[in-house]
Each structure stands twice: as C-alpha cells, then as structure tokens.
Amino acid sequence: MRIQFRHVLLLTLIVNFLCSTVAAAVERVAGTHVSLNPPPNFEKADKFPGFMREEYGASIMVMELPGPFDEYRAGIEDKDHLSTRGMRLLQKEAVRVDNRDGLLVHLSQVLHSLEFRKWVLLIGERDRNVMVMANYPAELEEEFSMILRESVLSTLWDPDQQVSKEEGLNFTLTESGSMRLAERMGNMLMYSKDAQVQPRSVDDPILIAGSALTDWPIGDRKEFSRKRLQLTATVTAIEIETLDEVRVDGLEAVEILAKAKDTDSGKEIRLYQMMVFKGQTYYLIQGMVSLRREDEFMADFQAMARSFKCK
C-alpha cells in the first residue's frame, strides 16, 4: 500500500505549478535539504517548499521522497501512465546534477482549459530522492522555458543537513498515542506508528496532513469534502458512514468517517478525513488503517486532526 501511495501522491502533486535570468544567489528551500537559484522576482511560497511568481501562475516546488529511485523514475517517464493523469511527455534526458546522476523530463498538462509546461528533475541515492518541479504557462514557453530549466538544474542537495521536517509549513499538528512524524513530502507530512517511513501493510496506520497548493472555488464544503474523499489514492469502494460539520482552530471543517478497500490487498480499511477551510484554500488530514485495528488508532487520528492549528 505504501509504495503505491507514494507513487500516486508524486504524480498528483505535479499539477499546479516565469522570468528573465537565473539569480546568482543560491537559496535553501525551507523544510528541505535542497538549495537552488530561483529566477529573479520569484518569492518564497507560503503553501509549499519552493518559490512562486503568483501573477503568472508559475512556481518551483521541491519534494524529498523516500523509496527506490527507479520507482519514481518509472512514474515520470512512462507515457501511458502519464496520459492517465492528463500529462504528455515532451522530452526526457539523463543529467548530472550536484555530482549525481538524474533524470530531467519536460511535460505538458492542460488544467482548466490552459496548457502548462513543466520541467521535472529527479535525483536520488539509496532510498532518498529529490524531485524539483518548475511550472509555467505554455504560451510563455519561449520566454521562460530555458530560464526555469536552468534554475531546476542548479539544484544542490545535502541530505545529511539537520532540517526540521515542519520548517516553513503554515500549520501544525500534535502527535497522539504512538503516531509519530515520519516523513515530509512537499507540503505534506506523513505520520505513522513509531515513525515508520515505509509501513509494511494496511495494518500499519498512516495519517497525512497538508495544505492545498493554490486557492480553489470551494463552494459547498460538504460536497467538496465528499469529492475529495473519492480521490483518495490506493483505495476503492468508499462508503461514507458519517459526515459532520465541525470547527477546528476556529475554522469551518468537515469530518468524515468511511469504509473502503485497499486496492492491492482487497482488505477492508477504515478511512478518516478532516478538511479544514480558510477562505478559498483548505487543509487536508487523512488517516487509514485496516478495520481490525481501527479501535487502536481511530481516536489518535481524530485527536491529531482536531489539534490542527494555522500558523
């Protein structure tokens, strides 16, 4: 379950991502072990680790990902798999970045009737990887493609540097029971029993928490929460049992308890979701564990979700 979760999360995060020349100064990306040269006039993003030029809908996002390099490589160079996510592979090339072998791909994706282009860099060692993604409108390809490509290729990675996993995030959660912070992936935190980085089966609980990358026209909060639940990776046959409007940190929120089936094993699992809304953005907290162990962890899922606070 964990491998597929990482794989799908990786691909779904490449969906919401301009300028003149690459800046001379290397800047470390908050919450990561990565530094790079952002283009001029790009500001530090407040919703994800990276930089953005909001007026153009352009950004550079950094994610550190656990697991085998080849697994992620397969996910971003397989044309058929990318097409199922609405993406098209334009080119790929082997690169050498920061004395490491890596892969650089150029992608196209249509979002809300607008075409965007993406430069995606993947480098790794052992079971640690870095993905750097630059996004810009396709209509500005000539002006900005090569500049953002250079910025992505300026990546420096020091995986042994001491960095807080929560640095730069705009929210906090409090751990509960044996659930501990295990990993950070972009703007998302993953908690597991005793901080296992790679849970072995659906019997091992996982809770993720993160913020939306951009503002959204949310509308009806209950319906929005239902639709988001149906997008949950690695599960099928989702059945909502309870759906309640609550308040968390003084904000409107929707809490859902559901049953589902793990797509790999077919086992029934308990699915917990809390969505916290602030203006036109939202925060997602989602936990899952096998039905046979729900009594051990469901209270922790709920306690952690209700401990949510905006910074």
C-alpha atoms as a PDB file:
ATOM      1  CA  MET A   1       0.000   0.000   0.000  1.00  0.00           C
ATOM      2  CA  ARG A   2       2.769   2.436   0.918  1.00  0.00           C
ATOM      3  CA  ILE A   3       4.646   2.179  -2.391  1.00  0.00           C
ATOM      4  CA  GLN A   4       1.550   2.872  -4.447  1.00  0.00           C
ATOM      5  CA  PHE A   5       0.553   5.728  -2.124  1.00  0.00           C
ATOM      6  CA  ARG A   6       3.917   7.422  -2.703  1.00  0.00           C
ATOM      7  CA  HIS A   7       3.731   6.843  -6.437  1.00  0.00           C
ATOM      8  CA  VAL A   8       0.270   8.340  -6.861  1.00  0.00           C
ATOM      9  CA  LEU A   9       0.996  11.195  -4.479  1.00  0.00           C
ATOM     10  CA  LEU A  10       4.042  12.048  -6.539  1.00  0.00           C
ATOM     11  CA  LEU A  11       2.053  12.268  -9.762  1.00  0.00           C
ATOM     12  CA  THR A  12      -0.925  14.134  -8.311  1.00  0.00           C
ATOM     13  CA  LEU A  13       1.339  16.765  -6.828  1.00  0.00           C
ATOM     14  CA  ILE A  14       2.642  17.638 -10.352  1.00  0.00           C
ATOM     15  CA  VAL A  15      -0.494  19.562 -11.230  1.00  0.00           C
ATOM     16  CA  ASN A  16      -0.411  23.218 -10.049  1.00  0.00           C
ATOM     17  CA  PHE A  17       2.784  24.697 -10.869  1.00  0.00           C
ATOM     18  CA  LEU A  18       8.272  32.791 -15.336  1.00  0.00           C
ATOM     19  CA  CYS A  19      11.003  35.465 -15.519  1.00  0.00           C
ATOM     20  CA  SER A  20      14.253  36.724 -17.087  1.00  0.00           C
ATOM     21  CA  THR A  21      17.569  35.302 -15.903  1.00  0.00           C
ATOM     22  CA  VAL A  22      18.578  32.859 -13.187  1.00  0.00           C
ATOM     23  CA  ALA A  23      19.516  34.612  -9.972  1.00  0.00           C
ATOM     24  CA  ALA A  24      23.099  34.386  -8.829  1.00  0.00           C
ATOM     25  CA  ALA A  25      22.402  33.609  -5.165  1.00  0.00           C
ATOM     26  CA  VAL A  26      21.704  30.049  -4.061  1.00  0.00           C
ATOM     27  CA  GLU A  27      18.827  29.844  -1.580  1.00  0.00           C
ATOM     28  CA  ARG A  28      17.913  26.909   0.616  1.00  0.00           C
ATOM     29  CA  VAL A  29      14.312  25.806   0.270  1.00  0.00           C
ATOM     30  CA  ALA A  30      12.649  25.879   3.703  1.00  0.00           C
ATOM     31  CA  GLY A  31      11.811  22.473   5.116  1.00  0.00           C
ATOM     32  CA  THR A  32      14.155  20.636   2.726  1.00  0.00           C
ATOM     33  CA  HIS A  33      17.827  19.739   2.300  1.00  0.00           C
ATOM     34  CA  VAL A  34      17.787  21.425  -1.124  1.00  0.00           C
ATOM     35  CA  SER A  35      19.196  24.754  -2.335  1.00  0.00           C
ATOM     36  CA  LEU A  36      18.847  26.272  -5.801  1.00  0.00           C
ATOM     37  CA  ASN A  37      18.995  29.516  -7.794  1.00  0.00           C
ATOM     38  CA  PRO A  38      15.434  30.849  -8.119  1.00  0.00           C
ATOM     39  CA  PRO A  39      14.736  33.201 -11.035  1.00  0.00           C
ATOM     40  CA  PRO A  40      14.510  36.923 -10.222  1.00  0.00           C
ATOM     41  CA  ASN A  41      11.226  38.158  -8.747  1.00  0.00           C
ATOM     42  CA  PHE A  42      10.219  34.686  -7.570  1.00  0.00           C
ATOM     43  CA  GLU A  43       9.184  34.857  -3.920  1.00  0.00           C
ATOM     44  CA  LYS A  44       9.254  32.147  -1.290  1.00  0.00           C
ATOM     45  CA  ALA A  45       5.995  30.207  -1.436  1.00  0.00           C
ATOM     46  CA  ASP A  46       3.846  30.013   1.689  1.00  0.00           C
ATOM     47  CA  LYS A  47       1.873  26.899   0.701  1.00  0.00           C
ATOM     48  CA  PHE A  48       4.691  24.566  -0.387  1.00  0.00           C
ATOM     49  CA  PRO A  49       8.505  24.306  -0.252  1.00  0.00           C
ATOM     50  CA  GLY A  50       9.745  26.420  -3.144  1.00  0.00           C
ATOM     51  CA  PHE A  51       9.265  29.697  -4.960  1.00  0.00           C
ATOM     52  CA  MET A  52       6.487  31.279  -6.964  1.00  0.00           C
ATOM     53  CA  ARG A  53       5.516  34.145  -9.242  1.00  0.00           C
ATOM     54  CA  GLU A  54       1.849  34.299  -8.403  1.00  0.00           C
ATOM     55  CA  GLU A  55       0.825  36.837 -11.037  1.00  0.00           C
ATOM     56  CA  TYR A  56       1.907  34.379 -13.760  1.00  0.00           C
ATOM     57  CA  GLY A  57       0.734  31.175 -12.100  1.00  0.00           C
ATOM     58  CA  ALA A  58       4.332  29.946 -12.113  1.00  0.00           C
ATOM     59  CA  SER A  59       6.278  28.094  -9.439  1.00  0.00           C
ATOM     60  CA  ILE A  60       9.217  25.905  -8.492  1.00  0.00           C
ATOM     61  CA  MET A  61       8.400  23.212  -5.947  1.00  0.00           C
ATOM     62  CA  VAL A  62      10.763  20.865  -4.104  1.00  0.00           C
ATOM     63  CA  MET A  63       9.873  17.465  -2.659  1.00  0.00           C
ATOM     64  CA  GLU A  64      12.046  14.931  -0.871  1.00  0.00           C
ATOM     65  CA  LEU A  65      10.716  11.411  -1.313  1.00  0.00           C
ATOM     66  CA  PRO A  66      11.570   8.106   0.394  1.00  0.00           C
ATOM     67  CA  GLY A  67      11.882   4.874  -1.569  1.00  0.00           C
ATOM     68  CA  PRO A  68      13.663   3.462  -4.629  1.00  0.00           C
ATOM     69  CA  PHE A  69      14.765   5.935  -7.316  1.00  0.00           C
ATOM     70  CA  ASP A  70      13.660   3.564 -10.094  1.00  0.00           C
ATOM     71  CA  GLU A  71      10.101   3.557  -8.778  1.00  0.00           C
ATOM     72  CA  TYR A  72       9.776   7.310  -9.172  1.00  0.00           C
ATOM     73  CA  ARG A  73      11.653   7.306 -12.466  1.00  0.00           C
ATOM     74  CA  ALA A  74       9.123   4.863 -13.899  1.00  0.00           C
ATOM     75  CA  GLY A  75       6.318   7.140 -12.803  1.00  0.00           C
ATOM     76  CA  ILE A  76       7.525  10.213 -14.682  1.00  0.00           C
ATOM     77  CA  GLU A  77       8.847   8.702 -17.915  1.00  0.00           C
ATOM     78  CA  ASP A  78       6.086   6.207 -18.740  1.00  0.00           C
ATOM     79  CA  LYS A  79       3.984   7.894 -21.433  1.00  0.00           C
ATOM     80  CA  ASP A  80       0.962   5.667 -20.911  1.00  0.00           C
ATOM     81  CA  HIS A  81       0.937   6.198 -17.166  1.00  0.00           C
ATOM     82  CA  LEU A  82       1.349   9.956 -17.543  1.00  0.00           C
ATOM     83  CA  SER A  83      -1.542  10.091 -20.004  1.00  0.00           C
ATOM     84  CA  THR A  84      -3.881   8.678 -17.363  1.00  0.00           C
ATOM     85  CA  ARG A  85      -3.006  11.777 -15.287  1.00  0.00           C
ATOM     86  CA  GLY A  86      -3.636  14.115 -18.216  1.00  0.00           C
ATOM     87  CA  MET A  87       0.067  14.697 -18.838  1.00  0.00           C
ATOM     88  CA  ARG A  88       2.129  14.351 -22.014  1.00  0.00           C
ATOM     89  CA  LEU A  89       5.849  13.617 -22.124  1.00  0.00           C
ATOM     90  CA  LEU A  90       7.623  16.102 -24.424  1.00  0.00           C
ATOM     91  CA  GLN A  91      11.214  15.029 -23.809  1.00  0.00           C
ATOM     92  CA  LYS A  92      13.480  13.309 -21.308  1.00  0.00           C
ATOM     93  CA  GLU A  93      17.218  13.267 -20.774  1.00  0.00           C
ATOM     94  CA  ALA A  94      19.794  11.862 -18.406  1.00  0.00           C
ATOM     95  CA  VAL A  95      21.545  14.641 -16.481  1.00  0.00           C
ATOM     96  CA  ARG A  96      24.332  15.062 -13.950  1.00  0.00           C
ATOM     97  CA  VAL A  97      23.322  17.392 -11.111  1.00  0.00           C
ATOM     98  CA  ASP A  98      25.322  18.060  -7.940  1.00  0.00           C
ATOM     99  CA  ASN A  99      27.590  15.099  -8.816  1.00  0.00           C
ATOM    100  CA  ARG A 100      24.602  12.762  -9.005  1.00  0.00           C
ATOM    101  CA  ASP A 101      23.007  11.012 -11.954  1.00  0.00           C
ATOM    102  CA  GLY A 102      19.429  12.089 -12.537  1.00  0.00           C
ATOM    103  CA  LEU A 103      16.538  12.376 -14.942  1.00  0.00           C
ATOM    104  CA  LEU A 104      15.082  15.586 -16.398  1.00  0.00           C
ATOM    105  CA  VAL A 105      11.702  15.472 -18.136  1.00  0.00           C
ATOM    106  CA  HIS A 106       9.635  18.121 -19.904  1.00  0.00           C
ATOM    107  CA  LEU A 107       5.870  17.650 -19.532  1.00  0.00           C
ATOM    108  CA  SER A 108       2.686  19.263 -20.806  1.00  0.00           C
ATOM    109  CA  GLN A 109      -0.642  19.342 -18.990  1.00  0.00           C
ATOM    110  CA  VAL A 110      -3.949  21.095 -19.604  1.00  0.00           C
ATOM    111  CA  LEU A 111      -5.597  22.488 -16.471  1.00  0.00           C
ATOM    112  CA  HIS A 112      -8.901  24.366 -16.604  1.00  0.00           C
ATOM    113  CA  SER A 113      -8.512  24.781 -20.396  1.00  0.00           C
ATOM    114  CA  LEU A 114      -4.998  26.254 -20.016  1.00  0.00           C
ATOM    115  CA  GLU A 115      -1.863  24.398 -21.082  1.00  0.00           C
ATOM    116  CA  PHE A 116       1.089  24.395 -18.710  1.00  0.00           C
ATOM    117  CA  ARG A 117       4.619  23.136 -19.231  1.00  0.00           C
ATOM    118  CA  LYS A 118       6.725  21.538 -16.512  1.00  0.00           C
ATOM    119  CA  TRP A 119      10.404  20.804 -16.027  1.00  0.00           C
ATOM    120  CA  VAL A 120      10.788  17.939 -13.545  1.00  0.00           C
ATOM    121  CA  LEU A 121      14.167  16.904 -12.136  1.00  0.00           C
ATOM    122  CA  LEU A 122      14.635  13.641 -10.224  1.00  0.00           C
ATOM    123  CA  ILE A 123      17.854  12.725  -8.405  1.00  0.00           C
ATOM    124  CA  GLY A 124      18.422  10.217  -5.633  1.00  0.00           C
ATOM    125  CA  GLU A 125      20.689   7.980  -3.613  1.00  0.00           C
ATOM    126  CA  ARG A 126      19.892   4.777  -1.767  1.00  0.00           C
ATOM    127  CA  ASP A 127      16.287   5.196  -0.570  1.00  0.00           C
ATOM    128  CA  ARG A 128      16.237   9.019  -0.633  1.00  0.00           C
ATOM    129  CA  ASN A 129      15.222  11.163  -3.588  1.00  0.00           C
ATOM    130  CA  VAL A 130      14.635  14.774  -4.576  1.00  0.00           C
ATOM    131  CA  MET A 131      12.101  15.986  -7.113  1.00  0.00           C
ATOM    132  CA  VAL A 132      12.201  19.612  -8.282  1.00  0.00           C
ATOM    133  CA  MET A 133       9.321  20.848 -10.457  1.00  0.00           C
ATOM    134  CA  ALA A 134       9.018  24.104 -12.382  1.00  0.00           C
ATOM    135  CA  ASN A 135       5.697  25.093 -13.911  1.00  0.00           C
ATOM    136  CA  TYR A 136       4.749  27.880 -16.340  1.00  0.00           C
ATOM    137  CA  PRO A 137       2.046  28.686 -18.929  1.00  0.00           C
ATOM    138  CA  ALA A 138       2.758  27.091 -22.311  1.00  0.00           C
ATOM    139  CA  GLU A 139       2.036  30.380 -24.089  1.00  0.00           C
ATOM    140  CA  LEU A 140       5.198  31.767 -22.453  1.00  0.00           C
ATOM    141  CA  GLU A 141       7.390  28.835 -23.494  1.00  0.00           C
ATOM    142  CA  GLU A 142       9.882  30.926 -25.467  1.00  0.00           C
ATOM    143  CA  GLU A 143      10.377  33.487 -22.727  1.00  0.00           C
ATOM    144  CA  PHE A 144      10.657  31.211 -19.712  1.00  0.00           C
ATOM    145  CA  SER A 145      11.304  27.558 -20.537  1.00  0.00           C
ATOM    146  CA  MET A 146      15.107  27.672 -20.612  1.00  0.00           C
ATOM    147  CA  ILE A 147      15.347  30.001 -17.620  1.00  0.00           C
ATOM    148  CA  LEU A 148      13.346  27.683 -15.391  1.00  0.00           C
ATOM    149  CA  ARG A 149      15.221  24.691 -16.765  1.00  0.00           C
ATOM    150  CA  GLU A 150      18.493  26.309 -15.654  1.00  0.00           C
ATOM    151  CA  SER A 151      17.028  27.028 -12.235  1.00  0.00           C
ATOM    152  CA  VAL A 152      15.949  23.421 -11.769  1.00  0.00           C
ATOM    153  CA  LEU A 153      19.384  22.183 -12.862  1.00  0.00           C
ATOM    154  CA  SER A 154      21.073  24.445 -10.284  1.00  0.00           C
ATOM    155  CA  THR A 155      19.785  22.126  -7.535  1.00  0.00           C
ATOM    156  CA  LEU A 156      22.166  21.302  -4.679  1.00  0.00           C
ATOM    157  CA  TRP A 157      21.242  18.573  -2.195  1.00  0.00           C
ATOM    158  CA  ASP A 158      22.737  17.950   1.243  1.00  0.00           C
ATOM    159  CA  PRO A 159      20.664  15.056   2.661  1.00  0.00           C
ATOM    160  CA  ASP A 160      22.668  14.915   5.896  1.00  0.00           C
ATOM    161  CA  GLN A 161      21.973  18.540   6.843  1.00  0.00           C
ATOM    162  CA  GLN A 162      19.892  18.968  10.003  1.00  0.00           C
ATOM    163  CA  VAL A 163      16.497  20.359   8.970  1.00  0.00           C
ATOM    164  CA  SER A 164      13.161  20.355  10.791  1.00  0.00           C
ATOM    165  CA  LYS A 165      10.502  18.475   8.832  1.00  0.00           C
ATOM    166  CA  GLU A 166       7.968  21.128   9.849  1.00  0.00           C
ATOM    167  CA  GLU A 167      10.046  24.149   8.787  1.00  0.00           C
ATOM    168  CA  GLY A 168       8.165  26.551   6.531  1.00  0.00           C
ATOM    169  CA  LEU A 169       4.756  24.908   6.886  1.00  0.00           C
ATOM    170  CA  ASN A 170       1.763  27.123   7.677  1.00  0.00           C
ATOM    171  CA  PHE A 171       0.066  24.660  10.030  1.00  0.00           C
ATOM    172  CA  THR A 172       0.829  22.357  12.960  1.00  0.00           C
ATOM    173  CA  LEU A 173      -0.500  19.061  14.339  1.00  0.00           C
ATOM    174  CA  THR A 174       0.105  17.464  17.728  1.00  0.00           C
ATOM    175  CA  GLU A 175       1.131  13.793  17.774  1.00  0.00           C
ATOM    176  CA  SER A 176      -1.112  11.335  19.630  1.00  0.00           C
ATOM    177  CA  GLY A 177      -0.537   7.845  21.003  1.00  0.00           C
ATOM    178  CA  SER A 178       2.159   6.005  19.045  1.00  0.00           C
ATOM    179  CA  MET A 179       1.609   8.094  15.899  1.00  0.00           C
ATOM    180  CA  ARG A 180       4.804   9.990  15.123  1.00  0.00           C
ATOM    181  CA  LEU A 181       6.000  12.267  12.321  1.00  0.00           C
ATOM    182  CA  ALA A 182       7.834  10.008   9.864  1.00  0.00           C
ATOM    183  CA  GLU A 183       8.343  11.953   6.653  1.00  0.00           C
ATOM    184  CA  ARG A 184       7.693  15.163   4.773  1.00  0.00           C
ATOM    185  CA  MET A 185       6.805  15.193   1.068  1.00  0.00           C
ATOM    186  CA  GLY A 186       6.480  18.691  -0.336  1.00  0.00           C
ATOM    187  CA  ASN A 187       3.767  20.478   1.640  1.00  0.00           C
ATOM    188  CA  MET A 188       2.544  17.246   3.238  1.00  0.00           C
ATOM    189  CA  LEU A 189       3.503  15.499   6.472  1.00  0.00           C
ATOM    190  CA  MET A 190       3.178  11.746   6.966  1.00  0.00           C
ATOM    191  CA  TYR A 191       2.675  10.237  10.409  1.00  0.00           C
ATOM    192  CA  SER A 192       2.884   6.520  11.217  1.00  0.00           C
ATOM    193  CA  LYS A 193       3.218   4.180  14.173  1.00  0.00           C
ATOM    194  CA  ASP A 194       6.595   4.846  15.779  1.00  0.00           C
ATOM    195  CA  ALA A 195       7.606   6.932  12.719  1.00  0.00           C
ATOM    196  CA  GLN A 196       7.952   4.021  10.279  1.00  0.00           C
ATOM    197  CA  VAL A 197       8.973   5.567   6.953  1.00  0.00           C
ATOM    198  CA  GLN A 198       7.617   2.624   4.956  1.00  0.00           C
ATOM    199  CA  PRO A 199       4.663   0.898   6.663  1.00  0.00           C
ATOM    200  CA  ARG A 200       4.505  -2.767   5.693  1.00  0.00           C
ATOM    201  CA  SER A 201       0.774  -3.394   5.268  1.00  0.00           C
ATOM    202  CA  VAL A 202      -2.717  -1.934   5.729  1.00  0.00           C
ATOM    203  CA  ASP A 203      -2.469  -2.983   9.379  1.00  0.00           C
ATOM    204  CA  ASP A 204       0.092  -0.212   9.819  1.00  0.00           C
ATOM    205  CA  PRO A 205      -1.641   3.165  10.278  1.00  0.00           C
ATOM    206  CA  ILE A 206      -0.856   6.190   8.129  1.00  0.00           C
ATOM    207  CA  LEU A 207      -2.006   9.773   8.600  1.00  0.00           C
ATOM    208  CA  ILE A 208      -1.141  12.532   6.145  1.00  0.00           C
ATOM    209  CA  ALA A 209      -1.687  16.268   6.568  1.00  0.00           C
ATOM    210  CA  GLY A 210      -1.123  19.040   4.061  1.00  0.00           C
ATOM    211  CA  SER A 211      -2.380  22.253   2.535  1.00  0.00           C
ATOM    212  CA  ALA A 212      -3.788  22.990  -0.907  1.00  0.00           C
ATOM    213  CA  LEU A 213      -1.178  24.308  -3.335  1.00  0.00           C
ATOM    214  CA  THR A 214      -3.466  27.022  -4.703  1.00  0.00           C
ATOM    215  CA  ASP A 215      -6.787  28.696  -3.919  1.00  0.00           C
ATOM    216  CA  TRP A 216      -9.908  26.844  -5.057  1.00  0.00           C
ATOM    217  CA  PRO A 217     -13.573  27.735  -5.734  1.00  0.00           C
ATOM    218  CA  ILE A 218     -14.754  25.528  -2.870  1.00  0.00           C
ATOM    219  CA  GLY A 219     -18.496  26.232  -2.812  1.00  0.00           C
ATOM    220  CA  ASP A 220     -20.426  23.709  -0.717  1.00  0.00           C
ATOM    221  CA  ARG A 221     -17.954  22.392   1.860  1.00  0.00           C
ATOM    222  CA  LYS A 222     -19.699  19.071   2.416  1.00  0.00           C
ATOM    223  CA  GLU A 223     -19.835  18.279  -1.285  1.00  0.00           C
ATOM    224  CA  PHE A 224     -16.248  19.417  -1.761  1.00  0.00           C
ATOM    225  CA  SER A 225     -15.173  17.077   1.057  1.00  0.00           C
ATOM    226  CA  ARG A 226     -17.101  14.150  -0.418  1.00  0.00           C
ATOM    227  CA  LYS A 227     -15.469  14.653  -3.814  1.00  0.00           C
ATOM    228  CA  ARG A 228     -12.010  14.935  -2.269  1.00  0.00           C
ATOM    229  CA  LEU A 229     -12.532  11.704  -0.349  1.00  0.00           C
ATOM    230  CA  GLN A 230     -13.322   9.889  -3.601  1.00  0.00           C
ATOM    231  CA  LEU A 231      -9.900  10.936  -4.937  1.00  0.00           C
ATOM    232  CA  THR A 232      -8.094   9.074  -2.157  1.00  0.00           C
ATOM    233  CA  ALA A 233      -5.199   7.095  -3.616  1.00  0.00           C
ATOM    234  CA  THR A 234      -4.817   3.323  -3.127  1.00  0.00           C
ATOM    235  CA  VAL A 235      -8.434   2.626  -2.110  1.00  0.00           C
ATOM    236  CA  THR A 236     -11.711   1.694  -3.826  1.00  0.00           C
ATOM    237  CA  ALA A 237     -15.345   1.089  -2.863  1.00  0.00           C
ATOM    238  CA  ILE A 238     -15.506   4.054  -0.488  1.00  0.00           C
ATOM    239  CA  GLU A 239     -18.636   4.104   1.699  1.00  0.00           C
ATOM    240  CA  ILE A 240     -19.234   7.172   3.860  1.00  0.00           C
ATOM    241  CA  GLU A 241     -20.650   6.298   7.289  1.00  0.00           C
ATOM    242  CA  THR A 242     -20.671   9.694   8.997  1.00  0.00           C
ATOM    243  CA  LEU A 243     -20.163  13.255   7.755  1.00  0.00           C
ATOM    244  CA  ASP A 244     -20.198  16.130  10.243  1.00  0.00           C
ATOM    245  CA  GLU A 245     -19.555  19.854  10.124  1.00  0.00           C
ATOM    246  CA  VAL A 246     -17.250  20.863  12.976  1.00  0.00           C
ATOM    247  CA  ARG A 247     -14.947  23.727  13.929  1.00  0.00           C
ATOM    248  CA  VAL A 248     -11.187  23.306  14.225  1.00  0.00           C
ATOM    249  CA  ASP A 249      -8.938  26.157  15.384  1.00  0.00           C
ATOM    250  CA  GLY A 250     -11.944  28.452  14.958  1.00  0.00           C
ATOM    251  CA  LEU A 251     -12.341  27.452  11.299  1.00  0.00           C
ATOM    252  CA  GLU A 252     -15.125  25.622   9.471  1.00  0.00           C
ATOM    253  CA  ALA A 253     -14.283  21.954   8.902  1.00  0.00           C
ATOM    254  CA  VAL A 254     -15.879  18.738   7.654  1.00  0.00           C
ATOM    255  CA  GLU A 255     -15.097  15.407   9.324  1.00  0.00           C
ATOM    256  CA  ILE A 256     -15.804  12.112   7.523  1.00  0.00           C
ATOM    257  CA  LEU A 257     -15.613   8.502   8.660  1.00  0.00           C
ATOM    258  CA  ALA A 258     -15.759   5.892   5.890  1.00  0.00           C
ATOM    259  CA  LYS A 259     -15.004   2.303   4.931  1.00  0.00           C
ATOM    260  CA  ALA A 260     -13.054   1.345   1.820  1.00  0.00           C
ATOM    261  CA  LYS A 261     -10.993  -1.444   0.276  1.00  0.00           C
ATOM    262  CA  ASP A 262      -7.253  -1.390  -0.237  1.00  0.00           C
ATOM    263  CA  THR A 263      -6.636  -1.754  -3.982  1.00  0.00           C
ATOM    264  CA  ASP A 264      -3.599  -4.022  -3.532  1.00  0.00           C
ATOM    265  CA  SER A 265      -4.777  -6.484  -0.889  1.00  0.00           C
ATOM    266  CA  GLY A 266      -8.553  -6.131  -1.144  1.00  0.00           C
ATOM    267  CA  LYS A 267      -8.713  -5.793   2.637  1.00  0.00           C
ATOM    268  CA  GLU A 268     -11.277  -3.513   4.215  1.00  0.00           C
ATOM    269  CA  ILE A 269      -9.863  -0.389   5.775  1.00  0.00           C
ATOM    270  CA  ARG A 270     -11.113   2.461   7.911  1.00  0.00           C
ATOM    271  CA  LEU A 271     -10.740   5.868   6.287  1.00  0.00           C
ATOM    272  CA  TYR A 272     -10.782   9.103   8.301  1.00  0.00           C
ATOM    273  CA  GLN A 273     -10.796  12.568   6.733  1.00  0.00           C
ATOM    274  CA  MET A 274     -10.862  16.098   8.107  1.00  0.00           C
ATOM    275  CA  MET A 275     -10.924  19.083   5.759  1.00  0.00           C
ATOM    276  CA  VAL A 276     -10.346  22.498   7.330  1.00  0.00           C
ATOM    277  CA  PHE A 277     -11.346  25.540   5.268  1.00  0.00           C
ATOM    278  CA  LYS A 278      -9.832  29.011   5.362  1.00  0.00           C
ATOM    279  CA  GLY A 279     -11.102  31.432   2.730  1.00  0.00           C
ATOM    280  CA  GLN A 280     -10.571  29.856  -0.685  1.00  0.00           C
ATOM    281  CA  THR A 281      -7.966  27.382   0.487  1.00  0.00           C
ATOM    282  CA  TYR A 282      -8.157  24.192   2.533  1.00  0.00           C
ATOM    283  CA  TYR A 283      -6.123  21.782   4.634  1.00  0.00           C
ATOM    284  CA  LEU A 284      -6.475  18.013   4.294  1.00  0.00           C
ATOM    285  CA  ILE A 285      -5.908  15.495   7.090  1.00  0.00           C
ATOM    286  CA  GLN A 286      -6.478  11.864   6.186  1.00  0.00           C
ATOM    287  CA  GLY A 287      -5.811   8.634   8.078  1.00  0.00           C
ATOM    288  CA  MET A 288      -6.208   4.996   7.118  1.00  0.00           C
ATOM    289  CA  VAL A 289      -5.759   1.628   8.788  1.00  0.00           C
ATOM    290  CA  SER A 290      -7.258  -1.865   8.498  1.00  0.00           C
ATOM    291  CA  LEU A 291     -10.687  -2.376  10.057  1.00  0.00           C
ATOM    292  CA  ARG A 292      -9.297  -4.886  12.524  1.00  0.00           C
ATOM    293  CA  ARG A 293      -7.025  -2.225  14.032  1.00  0.00           C
ATOM    294  CA  GLU A 294      -9.312   0.801  13.870  1.00  0.00           C
ATOM    295  CA  ASP A 295     -10.010   0.697  17.608  1.00  0.00           C
ATOM    296  CA  GLU A 296      -6.286   1.163  18.250  1.00  0.00           C
ATOM    297  CA  PHE A 297      -5.796   4.235  16.078  1.00  0.00           C
ATOM    298  CA  MET A 298      -9.051   5.990  15.201  1.00  0.00           C
ATOM    299  CA  ALA A 299      -9.034   8.067  18.389  1.00  0.00           C
ATOM    300  CA  ASP A 300      -5.472   9.156  17.586  1.00  0.00           C
ATOM    301  CA  PHE A 301      -6.473  10.149  14.041  1.00  0.00           C
ATOM    302  CA  GLN A 302      -9.295  12.287  15.391  1.00  0.00           C
ATOM    303  CA  ALA A 303      -7.216  13.803  18.194  1.00  0.00           C
ATOM    304  CA  MET A 304      -4.469  14.800  15.763  1.00  0.00           C
ATOM    305  CA  ALA A 305      -6.933  16.281  13.272  1.00  0.00           C
ATOM    306  CA  ARG A 306      -8.644  18.302  15.987  1.00  0.00           C
ATOM    307  CA  SER A 307      -5.268  19.570  17.222  1.00  0.00           C
ATOM    308  CA  PHE A 308      -4.750  21.328  13.861  1.00  0.00           C
ATOM    309  CA  LYS A 309      -3.683  24.968  14.093  1.00  0.00           C
ATOM    310  CA  CYS A 310      -2.853  27.553  11.449  1.00  0.00           C
ATOM    311  CA  LYS A 311       0.386  29.447  11.977  1.00  0.00           C
END
